[in-house]
Amino acid sequence: MQIRLASITDLAPLSQLFDLYRQQLNQPADYSACHAFLNHRLVENDSMIFVCIKDDTMVGFTQLYPSFSSLLLSPVWYLEDVYVVPEYQQADVEALMYQKAEQLAQSTGVLLINHYEQQVATEQCTA
């Protein structure tokens, strides 16, 4: 299993997974819009997308958006999107992609913020 940063050559299979990810979140299927959105992200280099490849097939991705924290006075990356095809959801693919993102963040001095962990923590505080 290989986890690496996505490139423009990954656009077609990544767009398919991104469309499935959005459908899982009750969004309508729209491959062409997903393709255009991801093409822009990759060309403009305004997000980081890690992909997981198993036997020459893309089985998952995670997308990070760079920003800055005024409170921490430092750059941060927000983990926004994570998707793993159902057949590989028990194979720790999500955890492996997160570890790869953490390694890159630590090596560049950036704080990685998991959007989903923050949301759960906020919901628990208000309950």
Protein backbone atom coordinates (compact mmCIF):
# COMPACT_ATOMS: atom_id res chain seq x y z
CA MET A 1 0.00 0.00 0.00
CA GLN A 2 1.41 3.38 -1.01
CA ILE A 3 0.36 6.74 0.46
CA ARG A 4 1.62 9.82 -1.35
CA LEU A 5 0.67 13.34 -2.35
CA ALA A 6 -1.70 13.44 -5.32
CA SER A 7 -0.64 14.88 -8.65
CA ILE A 8 -2.52 15.93 -11.75
CA THR A 9 -2.07 12.40 -13.14
CA ASP A 10 -4.37 11.18 -10.32
CA LEU A 11 -7.20 13.48 -11.33
CA ALA A 12 -9.57 10.93 -12.95
CA PRO A 13 -9.56 8.26 -10.21
CA LEU A 14 -9.42 10.92 -7.49
CA SER A 15 -12.47 12.64 -8.98
CA GLN A 16 -14.37 9.36 -8.91
CA LEU A 17 -13.58 8.85 -5.23
CA PHE A 18 -14.35 12.49 -4.44
CA ASP A 19 -17.75 12.12 -6.11
CA LEU A 20 -18.46 8.98 -4.02
CA TYR A 21 -17.34 10.84 -0.89
CA ARG A 22 -19.77 13.68 -1.58
CA GLN A 23 -22.60 11.24 -2.34
CA GLN A 24 -21.93 9.60 1.03
CA LEU A 25 -22.61 13.05 2.53
CA ASN A 26 -25.96 13.30 0.72
CA GLN A 27 -24.72 15.41 -2.18
CA PRO A 28 -25.86 14.63 -5.73
CA ALA A 29 -23.50 12.74 -8.03
CA ASP A 30 -21.59 15.18 -10.21
CA TYR A 31 -18.33 13.77 -11.55
CA SER A 32 -17.64 16.72 -13.85
CA ALA A 33 -17.99 19.26 -11.03
CA CYS A 34 -15.76 17.13 -8.78
CA HIS A 35 -13.21 16.86 -11.58
CA ALA A 36 -13.20 20.62 -12.13
CA PHE A 37 -12.96 21.33 -8.38
CA LEU A 38 -10.04 18.94 -7.85
CA ASN A 39 -8.30 20.08 -11.02
CA HIS A 40 -8.34 23.61 -9.62
CA ARG A 41 -7.01 22.43 -6.23
CA LEU A 42 -4.14 20.55 -7.89
CA VAL A 43 -3.25 23.22 -10.45
CA GLU A 44 -3.42 26.08 -7.94
CA ASN A 45 -1.73 23.95 -5.27
CA ASP A 46 -4.08 25.39 -2.65
CA SER A 47 -4.75 22.13 -0.85
CA MET A 48 -2.77 18.98 -0.14
CA ILE A 49 -4.34 15.72 -1.13
CA PHE A 50 -2.92 12.40 -0.02
CA VAL A 51 -4.01 9.32 -1.94
CA CYS A 52 -3.72 5.67 -0.99
CA ILE A 53 -2.86 3.25 -3.79
CA LYS A 54 -3.28 -0.50 -3.41
CA ASP A 55 -2.44 -2.82 -6.33
CA ASP A 56 -2.49 0.12 -8.79
CA THR A 57 -5.96 1.19 -7.61
CA MET A 58 -6.76 4.32 -5.63
CA VAL A 59 -8.63 3.25 -2.50
CA GLY A 60 -8.73 6.45 -0.47
CA PHE A 61 -7.80 10.10 -0.11
CA THR A 62 -7.56 12.83 2.48
CA GLN A 63 -7.52 16.56 1.76
CA LEU A 64 -5.87 19.26 3.84
CA TYR A 65 -6.34 23.00 3.51
CA PRO A 66 -3.56 25.36 4.61
CA SER A 67 -4.38 28.36 6.75
CA PHE A 68 -3.01 30.37 9.66
CA SER A 69 -3.89 30.55 13.32
CA SER A 70 -3.97 34.02 14.86
CA LEU A 71 -4.00 32.51 18.35
CA LEU A 72 -1.07 30.19 17.72
CA LEU A 73 0.74 32.66 15.46
CA SER A 74 1.59 29.84 13.10
CA PRO A 75 0.54 28.07 9.95
CA VAL A 76 -1.97 25.24 10.26
CA TRP A 77 -3.43 22.60 7.98
CA TYR A 78 -7.08 21.68 8.37
CA LEU A 79 -7.99 18.07 7.67
CA GLU A 80 -11.24 18.56 5.81
CA ASP A 81 -12.02 15.50 3.68
CA VAL A 82 -11.36 11.79 4.20
CA TYR A 83 -12.72 8.92 2.15
CA VAL A 84 -11.84 5.24 1.90
CA VAL A 85 -13.68 2.82 -0.37
CA PRO A 86 -15.82 0.42 1.70
CA GLU A 87 -13.68 -2.65 0.92
CA TYR A 88 -10.67 -1.03 2.65
CA GLN A 89 -12.32 0.73 5.57
CA GLN A 90 -11.16 -2.01 7.96
CA ALA A 91 -7.55 -1.87 6.69
CA ASP A 92 -6.45 1.23 8.66
CA VAL A 93 -6.15 3.23 5.42
CA GLU A 94 -7.60 6.34 7.05
CA ALA A 95 -5.17 6.10 9.98
CA LEU A 96 -2.21 5.55 7.64
CA MET A 97 -3.12 8.60 5.54
CA TYR A 98 -3.51 10.68 8.71
CA GLN A 99 -0.08 9.52 9.93
CA LYS A 100 1.47 10.53 6.61
CA ALA A 101 -0.17 13.98 6.88
CA GLU A 102 1.08 14.32 10.47
CA GLN A 103 4.62 13.41 9.41
CA LEU A 104 4.62 16.05 6.68
CA ALA A 105 3.12 18.66 9.03
CA GLN A 106 5.73 17.96 11.72
CA SER A 107 8.60 18.04 9.23
CA THR A 108 7.50 21.48 7.99
CA GLY A 109 6.59 22.95 11.40
CA VAL A 110 2.86 23.14 10.73
CA LEU A 111 0.08 22.21 13.15
CA LEU A 112 -2.38 19.66 11.75
CA ILE A 113 -5.97 20.26 12.88
CA ASN A 114 -8.47 17.47 12.44
CA HIS A 115 -11.78 19.16 11.60
CA TYR A 116 -13.78 16.10 12.61
CA GLU A 117 -12.14 15.71 16.02
CA GLN A 118 -12.78 19.41 16.72
CA GLN A 119 -16.43 19.04 15.70
CA VAL A 120 -16.92 16.02 17.99
CA ALA A 121 -15.18 17.82 20.87
CA THR A 122 -17.39 20.88 20.37
CA GLU A 123 -20.53 18.72 20.26
CA GLN A 124 -19.48 16.93 23.47
CA CYS A 125 -18.90 20.25 25.24
CA THR A 126 -22.38 21.50 24.36
CA ALA A 127 -24.15 18.27 25.31
